[in-house]
Amino acid sequence: MQRNVTPVIGLTTYREPSNFAGWNLEATLVPVSYIDSVYVAGGAPVLLPSLAGLQDCYLDRIDALLLTGGSDIDPA
């Protein structure tokens, strides 16, 4: 019996100041359009916070990596 396996897609995130219900905190964010697009394409989106030393751990557990870009990366 063959089982369907949903690919796990890691998405890079941004660390940004945010406001949630009056709380001003830093948050790890990514535009929801990236999450929705991965899901619609048949993947399981997983947000990857940028934490030093964990990159190798992430790469061993995901099937693909989506680099979401940001203001620090020139799209050209």
Protein backbone atom coordinates (compact mmCIF):
# COMPACT_ATOMS: atom_id res chain seq x y z
CA MET A 1 0.00 0.00 0.00
CA GLN A 2 1.41 3.38 -1.02
CA ARG A 3 0.74 6.34 1.23
CA ASN A 4 0.52 9.98 0.16
CA VAL A 5 3.27 12.05 1.69
CA THR A 6 2.86 15.80 1.91
CA PRO A 7 6.17 17.61 1.38
CA VAL A 8 7.25 19.84 4.26
CA ILE A 9 8.28 23.26 2.96
CA GLY A 10 10.32 25.54 5.21
CA LEU A 11 9.75 29.28 4.81
CA THR A 12 12.25 31.85 6.00
CA THR A 13 10.76 34.54 8.25
CA TYR A 14 11.34 38.13 9.35
CA ARG A 15 11.87 39.40 12.89
CA GLU A 16 9.85 42.62 13.17
CA PRO A 17 8.36 44.85 15.87
CA SER A 18 4.63 44.13 16.04
CA ASN A 19 1.52 45.16 17.92
CA PHE A 20 -0.92 42.48 19.09
CA ALA A 21 -3.95 43.59 21.12
CA GLY A 22 -1.98 46.36 22.78
CA TRP A 23 1.19 44.34 23.32
CA ASN A 24 4.25 45.76 21.55
CA LEU A 25 6.53 42.80 20.92
CA GLU A 26 8.98 41.48 18.37
CA ALA A 27 7.45 38.74 16.25
CA THR A 28 8.58 36.25 13.63
CA LEU A 29 6.52 36.98 10.51
CA VAL A 30 5.99 36.05 6.90
CA PRO A 31 3.28 37.30 4.53
CA VAL A 32 0.32 34.92 4.60
CA SER A 33 0.34 34.74 0.79
CA TYR A 34 3.51 32.59 0.99
CA ILE A 35 1.86 30.20 3.46
CA ASP A 36 -1.33 29.97 1.40
CA SER A 37 0.59 29.38 -1.84
CA VAL A 38 2.60 26.49 -0.37
CA TYR A 39 -0.59 24.93 1.00
CA VAL A 40 -2.54 25.31 -2.26
CA ALA A 41 0.38 23.70 -4.11
CA GLY A 42 0.11 20.64 -1.85
CA GLY A 43 2.85 21.37 0.66
CA ALA A 44 2.86 21.70 4.43
CA PRO A 45 4.30 25.16 5.23
CA VAL A 46 6.58 25.44 8.28
CA LEU A 47 7.88 28.82 9.45
CA LEU A 48 11.59 28.85 10.25
CA PRO A 49 12.71 31.54 12.70
CA SER A 50 16.21 32.87 12.21
CA LEU A 51 18.02 31.50 15.24
CA ALA A 52 21.78 31.00 15.22
CA GLY A 53 22.86 27.37 15.22
CA LEU A 54 19.54 25.77 14.22
CA GLN A 55 19.89 25.95 10.43
CA ASP A 56 21.35 22.43 10.19
CA CYS A 57 18.49 21.09 12.31
CA TYR A 58 15.91 22.63 9.96
CA LEU A 59 17.54 21.45 6.77
CA ASP A 60 17.47 17.82 7.91
CA ARG A 61 13.71 17.95 8.52
CA ILE A 62 12.26 19.78 5.53
CA ASP A 63 11.82 18.67 1.94
CA ALA A 64 12.32 22.12 0.40
CA LEU A 65 13.23 25.66 1.42
CA LEU A 66 11.43 28.79 0.24
CA LEU A 67 13.49 31.96 0.65
CA THR A 68 10.90 34.68 1.18
CA GLY A 69 13.31 37.57 0.67
CA GLY A 70 13.14 40.78 2.62
CA SER A 71 14.37 44.33 2.73
CA ASP A 72 17.90 43.09 3.33
CA ILE A 73 18.02 41.18 0.03
CA ASP A 74 18.13 42.97 -3.32
CA PRO A 75 15.66 41.18 -5.63
CA ALA A 76 17.82 41.99 -8.65
